[in-house]
Amino acid sequence: MRASTSGGPPDVWLQLEADALVSLTCQRCLAPVATPLVVDRWFRFVADEATAEAQDDGCEEDLLALEPRPNLLDVLEDELLMELPLVPMHEVCPASVLAGLSASADGGDQDAPPPRNPFAALAKLKK
């Protein structure tokens, strides 16, 4: 509970804190990358959705309506999802992955058969 800025009864507030480490796929090397997610948000509760909508533009804090009762696990999930990076990547990708990629780009595996052309079957139909 915090004192109301309008001089009325105290407002109900919620502090949501989360600190998690999730494994995502690096978009450069496709190896797992441990990504920290940290959430520290304050929410002020208001009576209902109409009140939240009316006050939303004029206040800096995030608002939650008491009715209908919010599912706090859903609120936590939404906050963690918003903390996910747009493109997860290592600061520096592991050298072993990069070395394997450069060897295959140089044609390092001479014993491998040439890749199949996916349009070869279409060329046969054309004849």
Protein backbone atom coordinates (compact mmCIF):
# COMPACT_ATOMS: atom_id res chain seq x y z
CA MET A 1 0.00 0.00 0.00
CA ARG A 2 1.22 3.48 -0.87
CA ALA A 3 -0.29 6.87 -0.17
CA SER A 4 -2.51 8.05 -3.01
CA THR A 5 -1.37 11.08 -4.98
CA SER A 6 -4.98 12.34 -5.11
CA GLY A 7 -5.33 12.40 -1.31
CA GLY A 8 -7.78 9.48 -1.21
CA PRO A 9 -7.31 6.04 0.29
CA PRO A 10 -3.92 4.37 -0.24
CA ASP A 11 -3.27 2.66 -3.58
CA VAL A 12 -2.45 -1.02 -3.91
CA TRP A 13 0.91 -1.62 -5.63
CA LEU A 14 2.73 -4.74 -6.77
CA GLN A 15 6.45 -5.02 -7.33
CA LEU A 16 7.28 -7.78 -9.77
CA GLU A 17 10.88 -9.00 -9.65
CA ALA A 18 12.26 -11.89 -11.66
CA ASP A 19 15.78 -13.02 -12.44
CA ALA A 20 16.06 -15.99 -14.80
CA LEU A 21 18.62 -17.58 -17.08
CA VAL A 22 17.15 -19.15 -20.21
CA SER A 23 18.84 -21.11 -22.96
CA LEU A 24 18.14 -19.72 -26.43
CA THR A 25 19.64 -20.50 -29.84
CA CYS A 26 22.37 -18.17 -31.07
CA GLN A 27 21.33 -16.83 -34.46
CA ARG A 28 24.93 -16.69 -35.70
CA CYS A 29 26.27 -20.13 -34.81
CA LEU A 30 23.03 -21.99 -33.84
CA ALA A 31 24.59 -23.14 -30.56
CA PRO A 32 22.82 -22.66 -27.23
CA VAL A 33 23.41 -19.29 -25.57
CA ALA A 34 22.56 -18.60 -21.92
CA THR A 35 20.50 -15.41 -21.82
CA PRO A 36 19.77 -13.59 -18.55
CA LEU A 37 16.29 -12.08 -18.15
CA VAL A 38 15.81 -9.50 -15.40
CA VAL A 39 12.46 -7.87 -14.58
CA ASP A 40 11.90 -5.24 -11.89
CA ARG A 41 8.54 -3.52 -12.47
CA TRP A 42 5.98 -1.77 -10.31
CA PHE A 43 2.25 -1.97 -11.03
CA ARG A 44 -0.49 0.15 -9.47
CA PHE A 45 -3.87 -1.50 -9.11
CA VAL A 46 -7.06 0.36 -10.00
CA ALA A 47 -10.69 -0.67 -9.52
CA ASP A 48 -11.54 -1.83 -13.05
CA GLU A 49 -10.57 -1.78 -16.73
CA ALA A 50 -12.46 1.46 -17.39
CA THR A 51 -10.49 3.26 -14.66
CA ALA A 52 -7.23 1.81 -15.97
CA GLU A 53 -8.03 2.99 -19.50
CA ALA A 54 -9.01 6.46 -18.29
CA GLN A 55 -5.82 6.91 -16.22
CA ASP A 56 -3.36 5.18 -18.55
CA ASP A 57 -2.44 8.22 -20.66
CA GLY A 58 -1.92 10.52 -17.67
CA CYS A 59 0.39 8.37 -15.56
CA GLU A 60 3.87 6.94 -15.92
CA GLU A 61 3.36 3.73 -13.93
CA ASP A 62 1.86 0.54 -15.29
CA LEU A 63 -1.74 -0.11 -14.26
CA LEU A 64 -3.54 -3.37 -13.54
CA ALA A 65 -7.28 -3.69 -12.92
CA LEU A 66 -8.44 -5.46 -9.77
CA GLU A 67 -11.61 -6.60 -11.56
CA PRO A 68 -11.48 -8.91 -13.38
CA ARG A 69 -8.74 -10.37 -11.19
CA PRO A 70 -5.44 -10.51 -13.07
CA ASN A 71 -3.59 -13.80 -13.30
CA LEU A 72 -0.19 -12.85 -11.93
CA LEU A 73 1.54 -15.79 -13.62
CA ASP A 74 0.34 -14.39 -16.96
CA VAL A 75 1.66 -10.95 -16.01
CA LEU A 76 5.03 -12.48 -15.09
CA GLU A 77 5.13 -14.46 -18.34
CA ASP A 78 4.36 -11.34 -20.39
CA GLU A 79 7.10 -9.35 -18.65
CA LEU A 80 9.68 -12.10 -19.20
CA LEU A 81 8.69 -12.43 -22.87
CA MET A 82 9.17 -8.71 -23.34
CA GLU A 83 12.71 -9.03 -21.92
CA LEU A 84 13.75 -11.64 -24.50
CA PRO A 85 16.28 -10.31 -27.00
CA LEU A 86 15.06 -9.84 -30.55
CA VAL A 87 18.06 -11.77 -31.90
CA PRO A 88 19.85 -13.91 -29.30
CA MET A 89 23.60 -14.17 -29.96
CA HIS A 90 26.82 -14.93 -28.15
CA GLU A 91 29.09 -11.96 -27.51
CA VAL A 92 31.77 -14.09 -29.19
CA CYS A 93 30.68 -17.36 -30.78
CA PRO A 94 32.60 -20.51 -29.80
CA ALA A 95 35.70 -21.01 -31.99
CA SER A 96 34.94 -24.69 -32.64
CA VAL A 97 31.65 -23.85 -34.32
CA LEU A 98 33.20 -21.12 -36.46
CA ALA A 99 36.11 -23.40 -37.47
CA GLY A 100 33.65 -26.10 -38.57
CA LEU A 101 31.71 -23.61 -40.64
CA SER A 102 34.80 -22.27 -42.41
CA ALA A 103 36.03 -25.80 -43.21
CA SER A 104 32.71 -26.72 -44.82
CA ALA A 105 32.67 -23.43 -46.77
CA ASP A 106 36.12 -24.21 -48.16
CA GLY A 107 35.01 -27.65 -49.31
CA GLY A 108 36.89 -29.32 -46.47
CA ASP A 109 34.93 -32.61 -46.68
CA GLN A 110 35.92 -34.00 -50.12
CA ASP A 111 34.36 -37.46 -49.47
CA ALA A 112 30.84 -36.09 -49.10
CA PRO A 113 28.55 -36.50 -52.11
CA PRO A 114 27.54 -33.28 -53.88
CA PRO A 115 24.27 -31.86 -52.61
CA ARG A 116 21.13 -32.94 -54.47
CA ASN A 117 19.42 -30.38 -56.63
CA PRO A 118 15.83 -30.16 -55.37
CA PHE A 119 14.65 -29.09 -58.84
CA ALA A 120 16.16 -32.05 -60.71
CA ALA A 121 12.81 -33.89 -60.69
CA LEU A 122 11.13 -30.85 -62.24
CA ALA A 123 13.71 -30.78 -65.05
CA LYS A 124 12.75 -34.38 -65.92
CA LEU A 125 9.09 -33.41 -66.14
CA LYS A 126 9.91 -30.55 -68.48
CA LYS A 127 11.39 -32.93 -71.13
